[in-house]
Amino acid sequence: MFAGSLMILLLFAVVAVLVAGVVLMGIGGKTNEKYANKLMIARVSLQGLAILLLVLMFAGRK
């Protein structure tokens, strides 16, 4: 149950960072230049954690 809740939280976090990156890209300017790479790294890291958790969830099933 805990893993499922954590998975949902991670998925919402991925979507939030993705939307923030798209909005920031649409606005452009110096703010986009400053935060675009950081948001991309955060999104990829969160996606990696989500995949790792998914693998662990399926590995723990019997």
C-alpha atoms as a PDB file:
ATOM      1  CA  MET A   1       0.000   0.000   0.000  1.00  0.00           C
ATOM      2  CA  PHE A   2       2.839   2.392   0.865  1.00  0.00           C
ATOM      3  CA  ALA A   3       4.583   1.710  -2.443  1.00  0.00           C
ATOM      4  CA  GLY A   4       1.404   2.461  -4.376  1.00  0.00           C
ATOM      5  CA  SER A   5       0.962   5.779  -2.615  1.00  0.00           C
ATOM      6  CA  LEU A   6       4.596   6.653  -3.221  1.00  0.00           C
ATOM      7  CA  MET A   7       4.206   5.759  -6.900  1.00  0.00           C
ATOM      8  CA  ILE A   8       1.214   8.094  -7.243  1.00  0.00           C
ATOM      9  CA  LEU A   9       3.152  10.862  -5.486  1.00  0.00           C
ATOM     10  CA  LEU A  10       6.121  10.375  -7.836  1.00  0.00           C
ATOM     11  CA  LEU A  11       3.880  10.455 -10.894  1.00  0.00           C
ATOM     12  CA  PHE A  12       2.255  13.700  -9.774  1.00  0.00           C
ATOM     13  CA  ALA A  13       5.707  15.156  -9.117  1.00  0.00           C
ATOM     14  CA  VAL A  14       6.864  14.173 -12.621  1.00  0.00           C
ATOM     15  CA  VAL A  15       3.802  15.804 -14.174  1.00  0.00           C
ATOM     16  CA  ALA A  16       4.264  18.960 -12.071  1.00  0.00           C
ATOM     17  CA  VAL A  17       7.918  19.339 -13.099  1.00  0.00           C
ATOM     18  CA  LEU A  18       7.038  18.602 -16.732  1.00  0.00           C
ATOM     19  CA  VAL A  19       4.286  21.245 -16.776  1.00  0.00           C
ATOM     20  CA  ALA A  20       6.576  23.757 -15.070  1.00  0.00           C
ATOM     21  CA  GLY A  21       9.244  23.130 -17.719  1.00  0.00           C
ATOM     22  CA  VAL A  22       6.804  23.507 -20.608  1.00  0.00           C
ATOM     23  CA  VAL A  23       5.341  26.721 -19.175  1.00  0.00           C
ATOM     24  CA  LEU A  24       8.805  28.115 -18.533  1.00  0.00           C
ATOM     25  CA  MET A  25       9.869  27.222 -22.065  1.00  0.00           C
ATOM     26  CA  GLY A  26       6.809  29.012 -23.399  1.00  0.00           C
ATOM     27  CA  ILE A  27       7.646  32.144 -21.430  1.00  0.00           C
ATOM     28  CA  GLY A  28      11.305  32.051 -22.456  1.00  0.00           C
ATOM     29  CA  GLY A  29      13.851  34.616 -21.410  1.00  0.00           C
ATOM     30  CA  LYS A  30      16.519  34.529 -18.741  1.00  0.00           C
ATOM     31  CA  THR A  31      14.375  32.529 -16.336  1.00  0.00           C
ATOM     32  CA  ASN A  32      14.087  29.741 -18.884  1.00  0.00           C
ATOM     33  CA  GLU A  33      17.840  29.782 -19.466  1.00  0.00           C
ATOM     34  CA  LYS A  34      18.451  29.601 -15.716  1.00  0.00           C
ATOM     35  CA  TYR A  35      16.038  26.802 -14.790  1.00  0.00           C
ATOM     36  CA  ALA A  36      15.452  24.726 -17.955  1.00  0.00           C
ATOM     37  CA  ASN A  37      18.326  22.309 -17.372  1.00  0.00           C
ATOM     38  CA  LYS A  38      17.584  21.982 -13.648  1.00  0.00           C
ATOM     39  CA  LEU A  39      13.949  21.132 -14.364  1.00  0.00           C
ATOM     40  CA  MET A  40      14.965  18.579 -16.971  1.00  0.00           C
ATOM     41  CA  ILE A  41      17.366  16.912 -14.544  1.00  0.00           C
ATOM     42  CA  ALA A  42      14.658  16.887 -11.861  1.00  0.00           C
ATOM     43  CA  ARG A  43      12.132  15.349 -14.276  1.00  0.00           C
ATOM     44  CA  VAL A  44      14.494  12.636 -15.478  1.00  0.00           C
ATOM     45  CA  SER A  45      15.516  11.837 -11.886  1.00  0.00           C
ATOM     46  CA  LEU A  46      11.897  11.562 -10.764  1.00  0.00           C
ATOM     47  CA  GLN A  47      11.093   9.344 -13.734  1.00  0.00           C
ATOM     48  CA  GLY A  48      14.042   7.131 -12.845  1.00  0.00           C
ATOM     49  CA  LEU A  49      12.821   6.834  -9.276  1.00  0.00           C
ATOM     50  CA  ALA A  50       9.337   5.960 -10.503  1.00  0.00           C
ATOM     51  CA  ILE A  51      10.700   3.230 -12.779  1.00  0.00           C
ATOM     52  CA  LEU A  52      12.911   1.875  -9.998  1.00  0.00           C
ATOM     53  CA  LEU A  53       9.968   1.761  -7.611  1.00  0.00           C
ATOM     54  CA  LEU A  54       7.847   0.031 -10.256  1.00  0.00           C
ATOM     55  CA  VAL A  55      10.541  -2.603 -10.777  1.00  0.00           C
ATOM     56  CA  LEU A  56      10.817  -3.140  -7.026  1.00  0.00           C
ATOM     57  CA  MET A  57       7.037  -3.424  -6.730  1.00  0.00           C
ATOM     58  CA  PHE A  58       6.900  -6.119  -9.417  1.00  0.00           C
ATOM     59  CA  ALA A  59       9.981  -7.906  -8.041  1.00  0.00           C
ATOM     60  CA  GLY A  60       8.336  -8.094  -4.609  1.00  0.00           C
ATOM     61  CA  ARG A  61       5.216  -9.800  -5.961  1.00  0.00           C
ATOM     62  CA  LYS A  62       4.964 -13.543  -5.598  1.00  0.00           C
END
